[in-house]
């Protein structure tokens, strides 16, 4: 998983300029957007603490949502009602 600059800063609870000044390596994509791998980012900057109110059961933003997955999630939710 890679982060864009703003995402990297948010993942560490830092300002973008702080991340940019860090000693981490990243790459630029064809549009010139800077990306850094999570392992490289967290080698230098620890992850930010998650707020206690954050829903940790939610699927990650980059999780694929296809019809089979949605059907399975609906079935499991119905079982727990």
N, C-alpha and C. Protein backbone atom coordinates (compact mmCIF):
# COMPACT_ATOMS: atom_id res chain seq x y z
N UNK A 1 0.85 -1.17 0.00
CA UNK A 1 0.00 0.00 0.00
C UNK A 1 0.90 1.23 0.00
N UNK A 2 0.59 2.17 -0.84
CA UNK A 2 1.35 3.40 -0.85
C UNK A 2 0.45 4.57 -0.49
N UNK A 3 1.08 5.60 0.04
CA UNK A 3 0.40 6.82 0.43
C UNK A 3 0.82 7.97 -0.47
N UNK A 4 -0.12 8.84 -0.78
CA UNK A 4 0.22 10.14 -1.36
C UNK A 4 0.69 11.01 -0.18
N UNK A 5 1.26 12.16 -0.45
CA UNK A 5 1.84 12.98 0.61
C UNK A 5 0.83 13.32 1.71
N UNK A 6 -0.35 13.79 1.35
CA UNK A 6 -1.35 14.16 2.36
C UNK A 6 -1.79 12.94 3.17
N UNK A 7 -1.94 11.80 2.51
CA UNK A 7 -2.32 10.57 3.22
C UNK A 7 -1.21 10.13 4.17
N UNK A 8 0.04 10.24 3.73
CA UNK A 8 1.17 9.87 4.57
C UNK A 8 1.21 10.75 5.82
N UNK A 9 1.01 12.04 5.64
CA UNK A 9 1.00 12.95 6.78
C UNK A 9 -0.12 12.61 7.75
N UNK A 10 -1.31 12.34 7.23
CA UNK A 10 -2.44 11.99 8.09
C UNK A 10 -2.20 10.67 8.81
N UNK A 11 -1.58 9.71 8.15
CA UNK A 11 -1.33 8.41 8.76
C UNK A 11 -0.39 8.51 9.95
N UNK A 12 0.43 9.55 9.97
CA UNK A 12 1.39 9.74 11.06
C UNK A 12 0.99 10.87 11.99
N UNK A 13 -0.08 11.57 11.67
CA UNK A 13 -0.51 12.70 12.49
C UNK A 13 0.44 13.88 12.38
N UNK A 14 1.02 14.06 11.20
CA UNK A 14 2.01 15.11 10.98
C UNK A 14 1.57 16.07 9.89
N UNK A 15 2.28 17.16 9.78
CA UNK A 15 2.07 18.10 8.69
C UNK A 15 2.79 17.57 7.45
N UNK A 16 2.28 17.91 6.27
CA UNK A 16 2.90 17.45 5.03
C UNK A 16 4.35 17.89 4.93
N UNK A 17 4.67 19.09 5.38
CA UNK A 17 6.05 19.57 5.28
C UNK A 17 7.00 18.74 6.14
N UNK A 18 6.51 18.24 7.26
CA UNK A 18 7.34 17.39 8.12
C UNK A 18 7.66 16.08 7.43
N UNK A 19 6.66 15.49 6.79
CA UNK A 19 6.89 14.23 6.07
C UNK A 19 7.83 14.47 4.90
N UNK A 20 7.63 15.56 4.20
CA UNK A 20 8.45 15.87 3.03
C UNK A 20 9.92 16.06 3.42
N UNK A 21 10.17 16.59 4.62
CA UNK A 21 11.54 16.81 5.09
C UNK A 21 12.17 15.56 5.69
N UNK A 22 11.37 14.52 5.91
CA UNK A 22 11.88 13.29 6.50
C UNK A 22 12.83 12.56 5.57
N UNK A 23 13.56 11.63 6.12
CA UNK A 23 14.53 10.87 5.33
C UNK A 23 13.88 9.59 4.84
N UNK A 24 12.89 9.75 3.98
CA UNK A 24 12.20 8.60 3.40
C UNK A 24 12.26 8.69 1.88
N UNK A 25 12.25 7.56 1.25
CA UNK A 25 12.28 7.56 -0.21
C UNK A 25 10.88 7.27 -0.74
N UNK A 26 10.57 7.91 -1.83
CA UNK A 26 9.29 7.72 -2.48
C UNK A 26 9.47 7.81 -3.98
N UNK A 27 8.36 7.74 -4.68
CA UNK A 27 8.40 7.83 -6.13
C UNK A 27 7.33 8.82 -6.60
N UNK A 28 7.50 9.31 -7.81
CA UNK A 28 6.50 10.15 -8.45
C UNK A 28 5.83 9.32 -9.54
N UNK A 29 4.50 9.40 -9.61
CA UNK A 29 3.80 8.70 -10.68
C UNK A 29 3.81 9.54 -11.96
N UNK A 30 3.12 9.06 -12.98
CA UNK A 30 3.14 9.75 -14.28
C UNK A 30 2.51 11.14 -14.23
N UNK A 31 1.71 11.41 -13.18
CA UNK A 31 1.11 12.73 -13.02
C UNK A 31 1.92 13.64 -12.09
N UNK A 32 3.03 13.11 -11.60
CA UNK A 32 3.87 13.89 -10.72
C UNK A 32 3.48 13.83 -9.25
N UNK A 33 2.55 12.95 -8.91
CA UNK A 33 2.11 12.80 -7.52
C UNK A 33 3.11 11.92 -6.79
N UNK A 34 3.56 12.39 -5.63
CA UNK A 34 4.55 11.67 -4.83
C UNK A 34 3.86 10.57 -4.04
N UNK A 35 4.46 9.38 -4.00
CA UNK A 35 3.94 8.25 -3.24
C UNK A 35 5.06 7.63 -2.42
N UNK A 36 4.71 7.14 -1.26
CA UNK A 36 5.66 6.44 -0.40
C UNK A 36 4.98 5.18 0.11
N UNK A 37 5.72 4.09 0.16
CA UNK A 37 5.18 2.84 0.70
C UNK A 37 5.01 2.97 2.21
N UNK A 38 3.98 2.32 2.74
CA UNK A 38 3.69 2.40 4.16
C UNK A 38 4.87 1.94 5.00
N UNK A 39 5.53 0.87 4.60
CA UNK A 39 6.66 0.36 5.38
C UNK A 39 7.80 1.38 5.43
N UNK A 40 8.04 2.08 4.34
CA UNK A 40 9.08 3.10 4.31
C UNK A 40 8.68 4.30 5.18
N UNK A 41 7.43 4.71 5.10
CA UNK A 41 6.94 5.83 5.90
C UNK A 41 7.09 5.54 7.38
N UNK A 42 6.62 4.36 7.80
CA UNK A 42 6.60 4.03 9.22
C UNK A 42 7.97 3.56 9.73
N UNK A 43 8.93 3.42 8.84
CA UNK A 43 10.31 3.17 9.26
C UNK A 43 10.84 4.42 9.96
N UNK A 44 10.37 5.59 9.53
CA UNK A 44 10.84 6.86 10.08
C UNK A 44 9.81 7.48 11.03
N UNK A 45 8.56 7.45 10.64
CA UNK A 45 7.50 8.09 11.43
C UNK A 45 6.52 7.03 11.93
N UNK A 46 6.28 6.95 13.24
CA UNK A 46 5.32 5.97 13.76
C UNK A 46 3.90 6.33 13.33
N UNK A 47 3.04 5.31 13.21
CA UNK A 47 1.64 5.59 12.87
C UNK A 47 0.99 6.43 13.96
N UNK A 48 0.05 7.26 13.56
CA UNK A 48 -0.72 8.06 14.52
C UNK A 48 -1.65 7.13 15.29
N UNK A 49 -1.90 7.48 16.52
CA UNK A 49 -2.84 6.71 17.33
C UNK A 49 -4.23 6.88 16.74
N UNK A 50 -4.99 5.80 16.72
CA UNK A 50 -6.36 5.86 16.20
C UNK A 50 -7.28 6.42 17.27
N UNK A 51 -8.20 7.29 16.90
CA UNK A 51 -9.18 7.79 17.87
C UNK A 51 -10.02 6.65 18.42
N UNK A 52 -10.39 6.72 19.67
CA UNK A 52 -11.18 5.68 20.29
C UNK A 52 -12.55 5.52 19.64
N UNK A 53 -13.06 6.58 19.01
CA UNK A 53 -14.39 6.52 18.41
C UNK A 53 -14.36 5.97 16.99
N UNK A 54 -13.18 5.71 16.44
CA UNK A 54 -13.09 5.22 15.07
C UNK A 54 -13.61 3.80 14.98
N UNK A 55 -14.37 3.51 13.96
CA UNK A 55 -14.93 2.17 13.74
C UNK A 55 -13.85 1.28 13.15
N UNK A 56 -13.30 0.39 13.98
CA UNK A 56 -12.22 -0.49 13.51
C UNK A 56 -12.76 -1.72 12.80
N UNK A 57 -14.08 -1.89 12.75
CA UNK A 57 -14.65 -3.04 12.06
C UNK A 57 -14.94 -2.74 10.60
N UNK A 58 -14.85 -1.49 10.20
CA UNK A 58 -15.13 -1.11 8.82
C UNK A 58 -14.04 -1.63 7.89
N UNK A 59 -14.42 -1.91 6.67
CA UNK A 59 -13.46 -2.37 5.68
C UNK A 59 -12.52 -1.23 5.32
N UNK A 60 -11.27 -1.55 5.01
CA UNK A 60 -10.35 -0.50 4.57
C UNK A 60 -10.88 0.20 3.33
N UNK A 61 -10.50 1.47 3.15
CA UNK A 61 -10.99 2.23 2.00
C UNK A 61 -10.61 1.59 0.68
N UNK A 62 -9.50 0.89 0.63
CA UNK A 62 -9.07 0.32 -0.63
C UNK A 62 -9.50 -1.13 -0.81
N UNK A 63 -10.39 -1.64 0.08
CA UNK A 63 -10.87 -3.01 -0.05
C UNK A 63 -11.81 -3.11 -1.25
N UNK A 64 -11.66 -4.16 -2.06
CA UNK A 64 -12.56 -4.31 -3.21
C UNK A 64 -13.98 -4.61 -2.74
N UNK A 65 -14.93 -4.02 -3.37
CA UNK A 65 -16.34 -4.26 -3.06
C UNK A 65 -17.01 -4.82 -4.30
N UNK A 66 -17.08 -6.13 -4.39
CA UNK A 66 -17.74 -6.74 -5.53
C UNK A 66 -19.07 -7.34 -5.07
N UNK A 67 -19.84 -7.86 -5.98
CA UNK A 67 -21.17 -8.38 -5.67
C UNK A 67 -21.11 -9.53 -4.68
N UNK A 68 -20.15 -10.44 -4.82
CA UNK A 68 -20.04 -11.59 -3.92
C UNK A 68 -19.71 -11.13 -2.50
N UNK A 69 -18.81 -10.16 -2.38
CA UNK A 69 -18.45 -9.64 -1.06
C UNK A 69 -19.65 -8.95 -0.42
N UNK A 70 -20.34 -8.14 -1.19
CA UNK A 70 -21.52 -7.44 -0.66
C UNK A 70 -22.59 -8.41 -0.22
N UNK A 71 -22.80 -9.48 -0.97
CA UNK A 71 -23.79 -10.49 -0.60
C UNK A 71 -23.41 -11.18 0.70
N UNK A 72 -22.14 -11.52 0.85
CA UNK A 72 -21.67 -12.17 2.06
C UNK A 72 -21.80 -11.25 3.27
N UNK A 73 -21.46 -10.00 3.11
CA UNK A 73 -21.58 -9.03 4.20
C UNK A 73 -23.05 -8.90 4.60
N UNK A 74 -23.94 -8.82 3.65
CA UNK A 74 -25.38 -8.70 3.95
C UNK A 74 -25.88 -9.94 4.70
N UNK A 75 -25.45 -11.10 4.26
CA UNK A 75 -25.86 -12.35 4.91
C UNK A 75 -25.37 -12.39 6.36
N UNK A 76 -24.14 -12.02 6.59
CA UNK A 76 -23.60 -12.02 7.94
C UNK A 76 -24.28 -11.00 8.83
N UNK A 77 -24.60 -9.85 8.29
CA UNK A 77 -25.33 -8.84 9.08
C UNK A 77 -26.71 -9.34 9.45
N UNK A 78 -27.39 -10.02 8.52
CA UNK A 78 -28.72 -10.55 8.80
C UNK A 78 -28.67 -11.60 9.92
N UNK A 79 -27.63 -12.39 9.96
CA UNK A 79 -27.49 -13.43 10.99
C UNK A 79 -27.34 -12.82 12.38
N UNK A 80 -26.77 -11.63 12.46
CA UNK A 80 -26.48 -11.02 13.75
C UNK A 80 -27.57 -10.06 14.21
N UNK A 81 -28.66 -10.00 13.52
CA UNK A 81 -29.75 -9.09 13.92
C UNK A 81 -30.71 -9.78 14.82
